[in-house]
Amino acid sequence: MLHVSGVPVTYCGVVIDLRTRRDLRIALRWLPLVLVPVLLLASTYPGLYRVPPHYWALAMGAAAVFVAGARWPLPVSLTLSALAVPMLRTPAWGLSGLVPFLGAVALIDVIARTHRRTIVVVATVAWGAAVVVGRQGAHDTSIGAVSILVETLAYVGLPLLLGLYLRGQRDLADNLRLRAADAQARARVDERAALARELHDLVAHHIASIILRIAVANHVVREADPRVVEVLDDVRATATAALADIRKLLVALRDPTLATVALVDPMSVASEVEAAADRVRAAGFAVDVELDSEITGLDAIGRLTLLRLVQESLTNVMKHADRGAPVLVRIVRDGDEVAVRVRSGGSGVANPPGHGIIGMRERAELAGGTLVIGNTADGWIVEGRLPMEAP
C-alpha cells in the first residue's frame, strides 16, 4: 500500500505516516518559542537570581531564529552559533543555561538535511568556535584548557553523531518509499500483462473470427440485395477498426514502461502531475507546480509522454538534487506545442547520462517533440516541447 499524498505508506510491514511526521516536524520547529520563556521564568527566583534582560533578548531572538531553520538551515545554524557566544559567557542559573544549546540542535538539523560536506564542516566549525569562545574563562585556570576541550568534544561531537544518524534514517526512509513505489509499479505491470493476455485470447480472437465470417458472408451474398452488402461492409469496417484499437491497447498494456498512466484521460493530467509532485514533497523537497489549463489538446501519446517526462525528472530530483533548493515544475501551452520545464537545485546526474535520461529523450522523439537536459546557473534543468497533435 502506498498513499504518499495522503497518510499511510506501507512497505514490508513498515508503516510510515507522512502527514503525522510532517505535523510533528512543524510542532518541533515552533516548540522553542514556547519552551524558552518557560526555561527563563523557571530560572528566576525573587531576591536570589534574575535572568538579565540582555539574556532574555538573546534567548528569545534565538528561539525566533530557530523557526526559520526549515527554510534556511545553514544561515540559522550560523546565527544561533553567534547568539550562543554572549549567552554562554553570561552566568546562567538553572534551566536558562540550556538555551544556548539551540545551536547544537540547529547543527543536528543541518547535518541531517544535507550530504554536502562543505556545509557540514562550516556549521560544525562555527558551533565548535562558539563553544570554545563562550566557555573561555568559565573554569579555573589550572584545568581550563582541559575542561574546554572536553566540553567542546561533547557539545560538538554528540550533535555531529546524532545528525549523521538522523541523516542515515532519513535516507533509509526515502529508499523505502522508492522501493515501495517500485514494488507497486511492478504489481501494476503484472496486472496489465494478465489483462493483455485475456484481451488477446478472448476479445481479439472473437473479433477476428467475426471479421472473417463477415468477409465470407459478403462474398456469398455479393450478388444479392446491395443494401445487405452495404450493411455487411459497414459491420466489417467497424469490427476491423475495433480490432485495430484492441491491438493498440494490447501494445500499451504489454509495455512495462507505461506503468499506471498509459491510458490517462485529458482531465487526469493535472492530478497525475500533482501526485508526482506530492511524492517529491513527501521526500522533503519544496515543489512549485505551474500547470496551464490549455494543454487538454494533447493526444494520448502526448499526455503519456508529458507525464513520463515530469515523473522521471522528479525521480531524478529525489535521487540527486539538494533538498534545500526549491523545485519548479512548469507546463504551459506555447502556440501549437506544450512546453514542460523542471528546475531543481544541485548538479543533476553524473555523465554519461543514465538509462532514465536516455529513455526520456527517446520518448520525446517518438512523440515528435524535443528534450534538452543539463546543468545551468539556475540548477539542473529539464526542458521539453511536445506537439499538440501527433506527427
Protein backbone atom coordinates (compact mmCIF):
# COMPACT_ATOMS: atom_id res chain seq x y z
CA MET A 1 0.00 0.00 0.00
CA LEU A 2 1.34 3.44 -0.95
CA HIS A 3 -0.51 6.71 -0.43
CA VAL A 4 2.24 9.31 -0.48
CA SER A 5 -0.09 12.26 -0.95
CA GLY A 6 -2.41 11.03 1.77
CA VAL A 7 -1.44 9.48 5.05
CA PRO A 8 -0.02 5.96 5.24
CA VAL A 9 2.89 4.42 3.39
CA THR A 10 3.37 0.70 3.98
CA TYR A 11 6.30 -1.31 2.73
CA CYS A 12 7.29 -4.78 4.00
CA GLY A 13 5.14 -4.26 7.09
CA VAL A 14 6.63 -0.83 7.87
CA VAL A 15 4.02 1.92 8.10
CA ILE A 16 5.26 5.46 7.51
CA ASP A 17 2.67 8.12 8.38
CA LEU A 18 3.89 11.04 6.31
CA ARG A 19 1.28 13.57 7.41
CA THR A 20 1.91 12.83 11.10
CA ARG A 21 5.66 13.17 10.58
CA ARG A 22 5.19 16.49 8.80
CA ASP A 23 2.94 17.84 11.58
CA LEU A 24 5.45 16.69 14.19
CA ARG A 25 8.31 18.48 12.43
CA ILE A 26 6.30 21.71 12.34
CA ALA A 27 5.44 21.42 16.04
CA LEU A 28 9.08 20.79 16.99
CA ARG A 29 10.17 23.76 14.90
CA TRP A 30 7.90 26.13 16.88
CA LEU A 31 8.45 24.49 20.25
CA PRO A 32 11.38 26.75 21.35
CA LEU A 33 9.14 29.83 21.19
CA VAL A 34 7.07 28.24 23.95
CA LEU A 35 9.79 26.37 25.80
CA VAL A 36 12.44 29.11 26.06
CA PRO A 37 10.27 31.57 28.06
CA VAL A 38 9.34 28.71 30.40
CA LEU A 39 13.02 27.90 30.98
CA LEU A 40 13.83 31.55 31.64
CA LEU A 41 10.93 32.02 34.03
CA ALA A 42 11.82 28.80 35.84
CA SER A 43 15.32 30.22 36.41
CA THR A 44 14.06 33.43 38.00
CA TYR A 45 13.97 33.49 41.80
CA PRO A 46 12.83 36.74 43.51
CA GLY A 47 15.54 38.09 45.71
CA LEU A 48 18.06 35.46 44.63
CA TYR A 49 18.57 35.43 40.91
CA ARG A 50 17.01 37.08 37.89
CA VAL A 51 17.78 36.36 34.25
CA PRO A 52 19.45 39.51 32.83
CA PRO A 53 17.38 41.48 30.31
CA HIS A 54 20.02 41.07 27.59
CA TYR A 55 19.92 37.27 28.15
CA TRP A 56 16.15 37.35 27.69
CA ALA A 57 16.58 39.27 24.42
CA LEU A 58 19.26 36.90 23.12
CA ALA A 59 17.29 33.80 24.15
CA MET A 60 14.02 34.92 22.57
CA GLY A 61 15.89 36.01 19.44
CA ALA A 62 17.47 32.56 19.21
CA ALA A 63 14.05 30.90 19.58
CA ALA A 64 12.60 33.09 16.82
CA VAL A 65 15.53 32.42 14.51
CA PHE A 66 15.24 28.67 15.09
CA VAL A 67 11.78 28.68 13.46
CA ALA A 68 13.34 29.66 10.12
CA GLY A 69 15.61 26.60 10.13
CA ALA A 70 13.23 24.64 7.93
CA ARG A 71 13.89 27.05 5.06
CA TRP A 72 17.44 28.23 5.72
CA PRO A 73 19.17 25.58 7.87
CA LEU A 74 22.78 26.76 7.41
CA PRO A 75 22.20 30.53 7.98
CA VAL A 76 20.07 29.69 11.02
CA SER A 77 22.79 27.41 12.40
CA LEU A 78 25.44 30.10 11.97
CA THR A 79 23.20 32.75 13.55
CA LEU A 80 22.42 30.56 16.55
CA SER A 81 26.12 29.82 16.99
CA ALA A 82 26.82 33.56 17.07
CA LEU A 83 23.99 34.21 19.55
CA ALA A 84 25.24 31.39 21.76
CA VAL A 85 28.59 33.12 22.44
CA PRO A 86 27.26 36.01 24.62
CA MET A 87 24.75 33.66 26.28
CA LEU A 88 27.49 31.16 27.17
CA ARG A 89 29.62 33.97 28.58
CA THR A 90 26.75 35.22 30.74
CA PRO A 91 26.50 33.43 34.09
CA ALA A 92 23.28 31.43 33.75
CA TRP A 93 21.30 29.88 36.56
CA GLY A 94 19.33 26.66 36.36
CA LEU A 95 17.43 25.78 33.21
CA SER A 96 18.21 29.07 31.46
CA GLY A 97 21.68 27.68 30.73
CA LEU A 98 20.14 25.26 28.22
CA VAL A 99 19.01 27.98 25.81
CA PRO A 100 22.39 28.50 24.04
CA PHE A 101 22.35 24.86 23.01
CA LEU A 102 19.71 25.61 20.42
CA GLY A 103 22.86 26.00 18.31
CA ALA A 104 23.60 22.30 18.83
CA VAL A 105 20.05 21.41 17.77
CA ALA A 106 20.44 23.57 14.65
CA LEU A 107 23.72 21.79 13.87
CA ILE A 108 21.93 18.44 14.08
CA ASP A 109 19.28 19.76 11.70
CA VAL A 110 21.86 20.94 9.16
CA ILE A 111 23.74 17.63 9.15
CA ALA A 112 20.54 15.59 8.92
CA ARG A 113 19.28 17.55 5.90
CA THR A 114 22.28 17.68 3.58
CA HIS A 115 25.02 15.49 2.15
CA ARG A 116 27.23 18.45 1.22
CA ARG A 117 30.45 18.09 3.14
CA THR A 118 31.27 21.80 2.92
CA ILE A 119 28.02 22.82 4.60
CA VAL A 120 28.51 20.25 7.35
CA VAL A 121 32.08 21.42 8.00
CA VAL A 122 31.12 25.12 8.09
CA ALA A 123 28.22 24.55 10.50
CA THR A 124 30.31 22.26 12.75
CA VAL A 125 33.29 24.62 12.89
CA ALA A 126 31.01 27.60 13.66
CA TRP A 127 29.33 25.81 16.54
CA GLY A 128 32.66 24.49 17.85
CA ALA A 129 34.13 28.00 17.78
CA ALA A 130 31.08 29.32 19.63
CA VAL A 131 31.54 26.74 22.38
CA VAL A 132 35.26 27.47 22.73
CA VAL A 133 34.82 31.27 22.83
CA GLY A 134 31.74 31.10 25.01
CA ARG A 135 33.27 28.79 27.60
CA GLN A 136 36.64 30.54 27.65
CA GLY A 137 37.37 31.70 31.19
CA ALA A 138 34.47 29.77 32.71
CA HIS A 139 36.81 27.40 34.58
CA ASP A 140 39.72 27.58 36.95
CA THR A 141 42.92 28.35 35.05
CA SER A 142 44.56 25.12 36.17
CA ILE A 143 42.02 22.95 34.39
CA GLY A 144 40.51 25.47 32.00
CA ALA A 145 42.07 24.19 28.78
CA VAL A 146 41.24 20.55 29.53
CA SER A 147 37.67 21.38 30.54
CA ILE A 148 37.08 23.45 27.43
CA LEU A 149 38.47 20.64 25.26
CA VAL A 150 36.22 18.05 26.89
CA GLU A 151 33.17 20.29 26.65
CA THR A 152 33.87 21.08 23.01
CA LEU A 153 34.21 17.41 22.12
CA ALA A 154 30.98 16.64 23.92
CA TYR A 155 28.92 19.64 22.77
CA VAL A 156 30.09 19.31 19.14
CA GLY A 157 30.76 15.58 18.80
CA LEU A 158 27.39 14.40 20.10
CA PRO A 159 25.32 16.68 17.79
CA LEU A 160 27.55 15.65 14.89
CA LEU A 161 26.97 11.95 15.53
CA LEU A 162 23.25 12.43 16.09
CA GLY A 163 22.92 14.45 12.88
CA LEU A 164 24.70 11.75 10.88
CA TYR A 165 22.43 9.12 12.42
CA LEU A 166 19.27 11.06 11.58
CA ARG A 167 20.53 11.65 8.03
CA GLY A 168 21.03 7.91 7.64
CA GLN A 169 17.50 7.25 8.91
CA ARG A 170 16.11 9.84 6.54
CA ASP A 171 17.91 8.29 3.58
CA LEU A 172 16.60 4.88 4.64
CA ALA A 173 13.03 6.20 4.73
CA ASP A 174 13.45 7.74 1.28
CA ASN A 175 14.77 4.44 -0.08
CA LEU A 176 11.83 2.58 1.46
CA ARG A 177 9.41 4.94 -0.24
CA LEU A 178 11.14 4.50 -3.59
CA ARG A 179 11.20 0.72 -3.19
CA ALA A 180 7.52 0.72 -2.23
CA ALA A 181 6.71 2.74 -5.36
CA ASP A 182 8.79 0.34 -7.49
CA ALA A 183 7.04 -2.67 -5.96
CA GLN A 184 3.66 -1.15 -6.66
CA ALA A 185 4.69 -0.35 -10.24
CA ARG A 186 5.82 -3.95 -10.79
CA ALA A 187 2.50 -5.22 -9.43
CA ARG A 188 0.66 -2.94 -11.84
CA VAL A 189 2.73 -4.22 -14.74
CA ASP A 190 1.85 -7.80 -13.84
CA GLU A 191 -1.83 -6.90 -13.69
CA ARG A 192 -1.64 -5.21 -17.07
CA ALA A 193 0.13 -8.19 -18.61
CA ALA A 194 -2.60 -10.51 -17.33
CA LEU A 195 -5.27 -8.20 -18.73
CA ALA A 196 -3.44 -8.08 -22.07
CA ARG A 197 -3.43 -11.88 -22.27
CA GLU A 198 -7.17 -12.01 -21.58
CA LEU A 199 -7.89 -9.38 -24.23
CA HIS A 200 -5.76 -11.20 -26.76
CA ASP A 201 -7.09 -14.68 -26.05
CA LEU A 202 -10.77 -13.77 -25.81
CA VAL A 203 -11.85 -10.43 -27.28
CA ALA A 204 -9.32 -10.07 -30.09
CA HIS A 205 -9.74 -13.68 -31.14
CA HIS A 206 -13.53 -13.41 -31.32
CA ILE A 207 -13.48 -10.10 -33.21
CA ALA A 208 -11.02 -11.54 -35.73
CA SER A 209 -13.35 -14.51 -36.17
CA ILE A 210 -16.30 -12.16 -36.70
CA ILE A 211 -14.41 -10.23 -39.38
CA LEU A 212 -13.56 -13.45 -41.17
CA ARG A 213 -17.19 -14.65 -41.14
CA ILE A 214 -18.43 -11.28 -42.38
CA ALA A 215 -15.95 -11.43 -45.25
CA VAL A 216 -17.22 -14.90 -46.21
CA ALA A 217 -20.85 -13.77 -45.96
CA ASN A 218 -20.08 -10.71 -48.06
CA HIS A 219 -18.57 -12.93 -50.73
CA VAL A 220 -21.55 -15.30 -50.72
CA VAL A 221 -24.26 -12.63 -50.96
CA ARG A 222 -22.33 -10.30 -53.26
CA GLU A 223 -24.99 -10.71 -55.95
CA ALA A 224 -27.89 -10.27 -53.52
CA ASP A 225 -29.55 -7.06 -52.35
CA PRO A 226 -26.98 -4.17 -52.45
CA ARG A 227 -28.33 -2.93 -49.13
CA VAL A 228 -27.26 -6.18 -47.46
CA VAL A 229 -23.79 -5.85 -48.95
CA GLU A 230 -23.58 -2.26 -47.70
CA VAL A 231 -24.53 -3.31 -44.16
CA LEU A 232 -22.00 -6.14 -44.20
CA ASP A 233 -19.26 -3.81 -45.42
CA ASP A 234 -20.09 -1.36 -42.66
CA VAL A 235 -20.06 -4.06 -39.99
CA ARG A 236 -16.76 -5.41 -41.27
CA ALA A 237 -15.18 -1.93 -41.25
CA THR A 238 -16.41 -1.31 -37.72
CA ALA A 239 -15.12 -4.65 -36.48
CA THR A 240 -11.75 -4.08 -38.20
CA ALA A 241 -11.42 -0.67 -36.53
CA ALA A 242 -12.31 -2.20 -33.16
CA LEU A 243 -9.67 -4.92 -33.65
CA ALA A 244 -7.06 -2.27 -34.51
CA ASP A 245 -7.93 -0.34 -31.33
CA ILE A 246 -7.66 -3.50 -29.26
CA ARG A 247 -4.23 -4.23 -30.73
CA LYS A 248 -3.07 -0.73 -29.80
CA LEU A 249 -4.41 -1.34 -26.31
CA LEU A 250 -2.50 -4.61 -26.12
CA VAL A 251 0.74 -2.87 -27.08
CA ALA A 252 0.17 -0.29 -24.35
CA LEU A 253 -0.67 -2.87 -21.72
CA ARG A 254 2.36 -5.01 -22.55
CA ASP A 255 4.79 -2.09 -22.39
CA PRO A 256 6.33 -2.30 -18.89
CA THR A 257 7.45 1.34 -19.05
CA LEU A 258 3.90 2.65 -19.29
CA ALA A 259 3.05 1.68 -15.70
CA THR A 260 -0.23 3.12 -14.45
CA VAL A 261 -0.96 6.09 -16.72
CA ALA A 262 -0.77 4.73 -20.26
CA LEU A 263 -4.44 5.46 -20.87
CA VAL A 264 -4.71 8.61 -18.80
CA ASP A 265 -7.59 10.83 -19.86
CA PRO A 266 -7.11 14.56 -20.51
CA MET A 267 -8.74 15.63 -17.24
CA SER A 268 -6.37 13.46 -15.20
CA VAL A 269 -3.15 15.11 -16.39
CA ALA A 270 -3.22 17.75 -13.65
CA SER A 271 -3.92 15.23 -10.88
CA GLU A 272 -1.15 12.89 -12.09
CA VAL A 273 1.37 15.75 -12.20
CA GLU A 274 0.30 16.91 -8.74
CA ALA A 275 0.56 13.34 -7.41
CA ALA A 276 4.13 13.12 -8.72
CA ALA A 277 4.92 16.45 -7.04
CA ASP A 278 3.40 15.23 -3.75
CA ARG A 279 5.74 12.24 -3.76
CA VAL A 280 8.70 14.61 -4.01
CA ARG A 281 7.27 16.88 -1.30
CA ALA A 282 6.98 13.84 0.96
CA ALA A 283 10.72 13.29 0.47
CA GLY A 284 11.43 16.74 1.94
CA PHE A 285 11.53 18.98 -1.15
CA ALA A 286 9.63 22.21 -1.77
CA VAL A 287 7.88 21.77 -5.12
CA ASP A 288 6.01 24.51 -7.00
CA VAL A 289 3.76 23.35 -9.86
CA GLU A 290 2.56 25.73 -12.58
CA LEU A 291 0.13 23.93 -14.91
CA ASP A 292 -1.61 25.61 -17.84
CA SER A 293 -5.26 24.66 -18.34
CA GLU A 294 -4.82 24.95 -22.12
CA ILE A 295 -2.94 21.66 -22.57
CA THR A 296 -6.01 19.43 -22.90
CA GLY A 297 -5.41 19.21 -26.65
CA LEU A 298 -2.62 16.66 -26.26
CA ASP A 299 -3.38 13.22 -27.66
CA ALA A 300 -2.94 10.02 -25.65
CA ILE A 301 0.72 9.60 -26.60
CA GLY A 302 1.44 13.25 -25.86
CA ARG A 303 -0.22 13.06 -22.45
CA LEU A 304 1.69 9.90 -21.62
CA THR A 305 4.99 11.43 -22.75
CA LEU A 306 4.36 14.59 -20.76
CA LEU A 307 3.66 12.65 -17.58
CA ARG A 308 6.66 10.39 -18.05
CA LEU A 309 8.99 13.36 -18.56
CA VAL A 310 7.71 15.00 -15.38
CA GLN A 311 7.79 11.79 -13.33
CA GLU A 312 11.29 10.79 -14.43
CA SER A 313 12.57 14.33 -13.84
CA LEU A 314 11.12 14.38 -10.32
CA THR A 315 12.54 10.93 -9.63
CA ASN A 316 15.98 12.29 -10.52
CA VAL A 317 15.30 15.25 -8.21
CA MET A 318 14.78 12.88 -5.26
CA LYS A 319 17.95 10.98 -6.14
CA HIS A 320 20.37 13.80 -6.91
CA ALA A 321 19.06 17.27 -6.03
CA ASP A 322 19.65 19.36 -2.93
CA ARG A 323 16.66 19.35 -0.60
CA GLY A 324 17.33 22.94 0.37
CA ALA A 325 16.69 24.24 -3.15
CA PRO A 326 13.10 24.69 -4.41
CA VAL A 327 11.86 22.60 -7.34
CA LEU A 328 9.81 24.21 -10.13
CA VAL A 329 7.55 22.25 -12.49
CA ARG A 330 6.11 24.44 -15.26
CA ILE A 331 3.81 23.09 -18.01
CA VAL A 332 2.30 25.65 -20.39
CA ARG A 333 0.97 25.83 -23.92
CA ASP A 334 3.17 27.70 -26.38
CA GLY A 335 1.43 28.00 -29.73
CA ASP A 336 0.90 24.51 -31.15
CA GLU A 337 3.22 22.95 -28.59
CA VAL A 338 3.27 22.19 -24.88
CA ALA A 339 6.41 23.33 -23.07
CA VAL A 340 7.46 21.46 -19.93
CA ARG A 341 10.26 22.65 -17.65
CA VAL A 342 11.55 21.08 -14.43
CA ARG A 343 14.18 23.00 -12.46
CA SER A 344 15.91 21.77 -9.32
CA GLY A 345 18.97 22.54 -7.23
CA GLY A 346 22.16 20.53 -7.30
CA SER A 347 24.23 19.21 -10.15
CA GLY A 348 21.78 16.67 -11.53
CA VAL A 349 23.26 13.36 -12.59
CA ALA A 350 26.76 12.35 -13.48
CA ASN A 351 27.96 11.93 -17.03
CA PRO A 352 27.44 9.84 -19.04
CA PRO A 353 23.66 10.05 -18.61
CA GLY A 354 21.85 7.02 -17.25
CA HIS A 355 19.10 4.96 -18.81
CA GLY A 356 16.41 7.24 -17.37
CA ILE A 357 17.60 10.31 -19.28
CA ILE A 358 18.17 8.28 -22.45
CA GLY A 359 14.64 6.91 -22.17
CA MET A 360 13.26 10.43 -21.68
CA ARG A 361 14.92 11.64 -24.88
CA GLU A 362 13.69 8.61 -26.84
CA ARG A 363 10.16 9.07 -25.57
CA ALA A 364 10.15 12.76 -26.52
CA GLU A 365 11.43 11.95 -30.03
CA LEU A 366 8.78 9.25 -30.56
CA ALA A 367 6.11 11.80 -29.67
CA GLY A 368 7.57 14.25 -32.22
CA GLY A 369 8.98 16.56 -29.57
CA THR A 370 12.35 17.72 -28.29
CA LEU A 371 14.11 17.48 -24.94
CA VAL A 372 17.07 19.39 -23.52
CA ILE A 373 18.66 18.33 -20.22
CA GLY A 374 21.64 19.88 -18.49
CA ASN A 375 23.18 21.82 -15.65
CA THR A 376 22.87 25.63 -15.76
CA ALA A 377 23.50 28.56 -13.46
CA ASP A 378 19.93 28.15 -12.17
CA GLY A 379 20.41 24.46 -11.34
CA TRP A 380 19.56 21.23 -13.12
CA ILE A 381 17.08 21.90 -15.94
CA VAL A 382 14.86 19.56 -17.96
CA GLU A 383 13.11 21.33 -20.85
CA GLY A 384 10.85 19.59 -23.34
CA ARG A 385 8.44 20.57 -26.09
CA LEU A 386 5.63 18.33 -27.36
CA PRO A 387 3.34 18.95 -30.35
CA MET A 388 -0.38 19.29 -29.69
CA GLU A 389 -1.05 16.80 -32.48
CA ALA A 390 0.77 13.53 -33.08
CA PRO A 391 3.24 13.66 -36.02
